[in-house]
N, C-alpha and C. Protein backbone atom coordinates (compact mmCIF):
# COMPACT_ATOMS: atom_id res chain seq x y z
N MET A 1 140.28 91.24 48.95
CA MET A 1 139.88 92.55 48.53
C MET A 1 139.18 92.88 47.67
N SER A 2 138.98 92.13 46.46
CA SER A 2 138.24 92.26 45.42
C SER A 2 136.66 91.92 45.83
N VAL A 3 136.49 90.85 46.82
CA VAL A 3 135.36 90.34 47.20
C VAL A 3 134.58 91.55 47.89
N ILE A 4 135.51 92.37 48.80
CA ILE A 4 134.66 93.17 49.64
C ILE A 4 134.28 94.49 48.66
N VAL A 5 134.90 94.89 47.50
CA VAL A 5 134.60 95.73 46.69
C VAL A 5 133.28 95.25 45.80
N ILE A 6 133.30 94.08 45.76
CA ILE A 6 132.14 93.48 44.91
C ILE A 6 131.03 93.49 45.81
N GLU A 7 131.04 93.09 47.20
CA GLU A 7 130.06 93.32 48.06
C GLU A 7 129.54 94.97 48.35
N VAL A 8 130.46 95.74 48.35
CA VAL A 8 130.00 97.05 48.64
C VAL A 8 129.07 97.46 47.29
N LEU A 9 129.81 97.23 46.21
CA LEU A 9 128.92 97.56 44.85
C LEU A 9 127.49 96.85 44.85
N ALA A 10 127.54 95.86 45.36
CA ALA A 10 126.28 94.87 45.29
C ALA A 10 125.08 95.74 46.35
N LEU A 11 125.75 95.98 47.52
CA LEU A 11 124.79 96.90 48.43
C LEU A 11 124.67 98.34 47.77
N LEU A 12 125.35 98.80 47.18
CA LEU A 12 124.91 100.19 46.56
C LEU A 12 124.02 100.11 45.52
N ALA A 13 124.14 99.06 44.65
CA ALA A 13 123.03 98.66 43.72
C ALA A 13 121.90 98.33 44.21
N GLY A 14 121.73 97.58 45.33
CA GLY A 14 120.67 97.18 45.99
C GLY A 14 119.99 98.32 46.71
N LEU A 15 120.67 99.15 47.14
CA LEU A 15 120.09 100.45 47.95
C LEU A 15 119.57 101.52 46.71
N THR A 16 120.29 101.65 45.87
CA THR A 16 119.81 102.30 44.58
C THR A 16 118.33 101.83 44.05
N GLY A 17 118.24 100.46 43.76
CA GLY A 17 117.15 99.89 43.25
C GLY A 17 116.02 99.93 44.32
N LEU A 18 116.30 100.10 45.55
CA LEU A 18 115.27 100.22 46.72
C LEU A 18 114.66 101.57 46.62
N GLY A 19 115.74 102.71 46.35
CA GLY A 19 115.40 103.87 46.32
C GLY A 19 114.58 104.33 45.07
N PHE A 20 114.86 103.62 43.72
CA PHE A 20 113.91 103.62 42.68
C PHE A 20 112.52 103.23 43.02
N LEU A 21 112.40 101.96 43.59
CA LEU A 21 111.11 101.47 43.96
C LEU A 21 110.31 102.19 44.82
N ALA A 22 110.93 102.78 45.83
CA ALA A 22 110.13 103.77 46.75
C ALA A 22 109.66 105.04 46.35
N LYS A 23 110.41 105.65 45.30
CA LYS A 23 110.17 106.68 44.43
C LYS A 23 108.89 106.38 43.61
N ALA A 24 108.90 105.38 42.85
CA ALA A 24 108.02 104.65 41.96
C ALA A 24 106.60 104.60 42.93
N ALA A 25 106.79 104.02 44.00
CA ALA A 25 105.54 103.91 44.96
C ALA A 25 105.06 105.12 45.56
N LEU A 26 105.84 106.18 45.59
CA LEU A 26 105.42 107.35 46.04
C LEU A 26 104.72 108.21 45.03
N THR A 27 105.12 108.00 43.50
CA THR A 27 104.70 108.86 42.68
C THR A 27 103.65 108.10 41.84
N ARG A 28 103.49 106.70 41.82
CA ARG A 28 102.24 106.19 41.00
C ARG A 28 101.35 105.51 41.68
N THR A 29 101.39 105.30 42.94
CA THR A 29 100.12 104.47 43.70
C THR A 29 99.35 105.63 44.34
N ARG A 30 98.16 104.91 44.66
CA ARG A 30 97.23 105.93 45.22
C ARG A 30 97.53 106.45 46.64
N PRO A 31 98.22 105.52 47.70
CA PRO A 31 98.62 106.25 48.81
C PRO A 31 99.83 107.24 48.68
N GLY A 32 100.59 107.25 47.47
CA GLY A 32 101.77 108.19 47.20
C GLY A 32 101.04 109.60 46.74
N VAL A 33 99.96 109.53 45.80
CA VAL A 33 99.30 110.39 45.28
C VAL A 33 98.84 111.10 46.24
N ARG A 34 98.13 110.52 47.39
CA ARG A 34 97.32 110.97 48.35
C ARG A 34 98.15 111.80 49.24
N LEU A 35 99.49 111.36 49.67
CA LEU A 35 100.21 111.75 50.47
C LEU A 35 100.69 113.28 49.72
N ARG A 36 101.24 113.25 48.25
CA ARG A 36 101.55 114.45 47.73
C ARG A 36 100.54 115.44 47.69
N GLN A 37 99.34 114.90 47.47
CA GLN A 37 97.91 115.81 47.65
C GLN A 37 97.89 116.79 49.00
N GLU A 38 98.00 115.84 50.03
CA GLU A 38 98.05 116.32 51.34
C GLU A 38 98.98 117.31 51.44
N ALA A 39 100.32 117.11 51.04
CA ALA A 39 101.37 118.08 51.28
C ALA A 39 101.06 119.32 50.38
N ASN A 40 100.50 119.23 49.12
CA ASN A 40 100.12 120.22 48.67
C ASN A 40 99.31 121.23 49.29
N ARG A 41 98.15 120.51 49.83
CA ARG A 41 97.11 121.10 50.37
C ARG A 41 97.60 122.14 51.62
N LEU A 42 98.57 121.09 52.54
CA LEU A 42 98.96 121.77 53.85
C LEU A 42 99.80 123.14 53.14
N GLU A 43 100.60 123.15 52.23
CA GLU A 43 101.41 124.42 51.54
C GLU A 43 100.37 125.38 51.13
N ILE A 44 99.37 125.02 50.52
CA ILE A 44 98.49 126.15 50.02
C ILE A 44 97.64 126.62 51.16
N ASP A 45 97.25 126.00 52.23
CA ASP A 45 96.74 126.55 53.40
C ASP A 45 97.65 127.41 54.25
N ARG A 46 98.73 127.03 54.33
CA ARG A 46 99.62 127.62 55.17
C ARG A 46 99.95 129.28 54.39
N ALA A 47 99.86 129.31 53.11
CA ALA A 47 100.12 130.29 52.33
C ALA A 47 99.02 131.10 52.10
N ALA A 48 97.61 130.62 52.39
CA ALA A 48 96.35 131.40 52.40
C ALA A 48 96.53 131.94 53.81
N ALA A 49 96.91 131.35 54.79
CA ALA A 49 97.04 131.86 56.21
C ALA A 49 97.86 133.09 56.56
N LEU A 50 98.80 133.23 55.54
CA LEU A 50 99.99 134.21 55.69
C LEU A 50 99.48 135.36 54.71
N THR A 51 98.40 135.39 54.07
CA THR A 51 97.91 136.36 53.18
C THR A 51 96.88 137.20 53.72
N CYS A 52 96.79 138.58 53.84
CA CYS A 52 95.98 139.24 54.17
C CYS A 52 95.09 139.79 52.85
N PRO A 53 93.61 139.79 53.05
CA PRO A 53 93.01 140.27 51.81
C PRO A 53 92.93 141.48 51.43
N ILE A 54 93.51 142.51 52.45
CA ILE A 54 93.71 143.97 51.99
C ILE A 54 95.11 144.05 51.72
N HIS A 55 96.12 143.79 52.38
CA HIS A 55 97.59 144.20 52.43
C HIS A 55 98.47 142.93 51.82
N GLY A 56 97.81 142.03 51.25
CA GLY A 56 98.67 140.89 50.65
C GLY A 56 99.55 140.12 51.48
N VAL A 57 100.48 139.30 51.00
CA VAL A 57 101.39 138.47 51.87
C VAL A 57 102.13 139.01 52.87
N GLN A 58 101.85 138.46 53.99
CA GLN A 58 102.81 138.93 55.10
C GLN A 58 103.80 137.92 55.49
N SER A 59 104.92 138.12 56.49
CA SER A 59 105.76 137.20 57.01
C SER A 59 104.87 136.65 58.43
N GLU A 60 105.23 135.55 58.65
CA GLU A 60 104.60 134.71 59.76
C GLU A 60 105.06 135.63 61.00
N GLU A 61 106.09 136.37 61.06
CA GLU A 61 106.31 137.18 62.37
C GLU A 61 105.70 138.31 62.54
N SER A 62 105.05 138.74 61.30
CA SER A 62 104.59 140.19 61.47
C SER A 62 102.96 140.14 61.91
N LEU A 63 102.48 138.77 61.89
CA LEU A 63 100.99 138.49 62.06
C LEU A 63 100.67 138.39 63.54
N VAL A 64 99.56 138.96 63.97
CA VAL A 64 99.07 139.27 65.29
C VAL A 64 98.20 138.10 65.55
N ARG A 65 98.47 137.20 66.75
CA ARG A 65 97.59 136.14 66.98
C ARG A 65 96.43 136.70 68.16
N LEU A 66 95.20 136.54 67.61
CA LEU A 66 94.14 136.94 68.26
C LEU A 66 93.67 136.08 69.45
N PRO A 67 92.83 136.66 70.30
CA PRO A 67 92.70 135.61 71.46
C PRO A 67 91.78 134.36 70.86
N ASP A 68 90.94 134.62 69.90
CA ASP A 68 90.09 133.41 69.31
C ASP A 68 91.03 132.59 68.63
N GLY A 69 92.15 132.62 68.55
CA GLY A 69 93.08 131.88 67.81
C GLY A 69 93.46 131.99 66.33
N GLY A 70 92.59 133.27 65.81
CA GLY A 70 92.70 133.54 64.37
C GLY A 70 94.13 134.49 64.37
N THR A 71 94.48 134.98 63.11
CA THR A 71 95.51 135.87 63.05
C THR A 71 95.05 137.06 62.26
N LEU A 72 95.78 138.10 62.29
CA LEU A 72 95.60 139.42 61.78
C LEU A 72 96.86 140.06 61.18
N CYS A 73 96.94 140.66 60.22
CA CYS A 73 98.21 141.40 59.77
C CYS A 73 98.45 142.60 60.78
N SER A 74 99.40 143.05 60.96
CA SER A 74 100.03 143.97 61.79
C SER A 74 99.41 145.34 61.45
N VAL A 75 99.23 145.82 60.22
CA VAL A 75 98.46 146.86 59.72
C VAL A 75 97.05 146.89 60.11
N CYS A 76 96.37 146.06 59.78
CA CYS A 76 94.86 145.75 60.17
C CYS A 76 94.84 145.64 61.54
N TYR A 77 95.62 145.17 62.29
CA TYR A 77 95.73 145.13 63.97
C TYR A 77 95.51 146.64 64.36
N ARG A 78 96.64 147.51 63.69
CA ARG A 78 96.63 148.81 64.22
C ARG A 78 95.37 149.57 63.82
N GLU A 79 95.00 149.46 62.75
CA GLU A 79 93.73 150.14 62.34
C GLU A 79 92.44 149.86 63.16
N ALA A 80 92.29 148.46 63.31
CA ALA A 80 91.10 147.95 63.99
C ALA A 80 91.16 148.32 65.52
N VAL A 81 92.30 147.83 66.18
CA VAL A 81 92.37 148.20 67.58
C VAL A 81 92.89 149.61 68.13
N HIS A 82 93.58 150.11 67.44
CA HIS A 82 94.16 151.39 67.97
C HIS A 82 93.61 152.61 67.01
N GLY A 83 92.85 152.44 66.17
CA GLY A 83 92.41 153.40 65.22
C GLY A 83 93.47 154.15 64.53
N GLN A 84 94.50 153.74 64.26
CA GLN A 84 95.65 154.51 63.69
C GLN A 84 95.89 153.78 62.22
N LEU A 85 96.10 154.87 61.25
CA LEU A 85 96.18 154.46 59.96
C LEU A 85 97.69 154.25 59.86
N PRO A 86 98.27 153.31 58.89
CA PRO A 86 99.76 153.36 58.62
C PRO A 86 100.25 154.57 57.94
N SER A 87 101.44 154.98 58.45
CA SER A 87 102.22 156.11 58.01
C SER A 87 103.01 156.02 57.09
């Protein structure tokens, strides 16, 4: 019974060590830094795509998809297409 407990503890220690090595590789090596920078860029691009220059940050559901693939906030869409000002 004690052999099984020791084997389980050794396995957990090995997995913990492997986790620390993986985290160090992702935070301190060039490919890891590149991956983090790419993730940051994607997050910034997504936030910028959800921001109307006139009306500020919009939810993704309130944006209108245009035929050319771009997006427009619903208030700007109403103003541009229907000529209606928001009430």
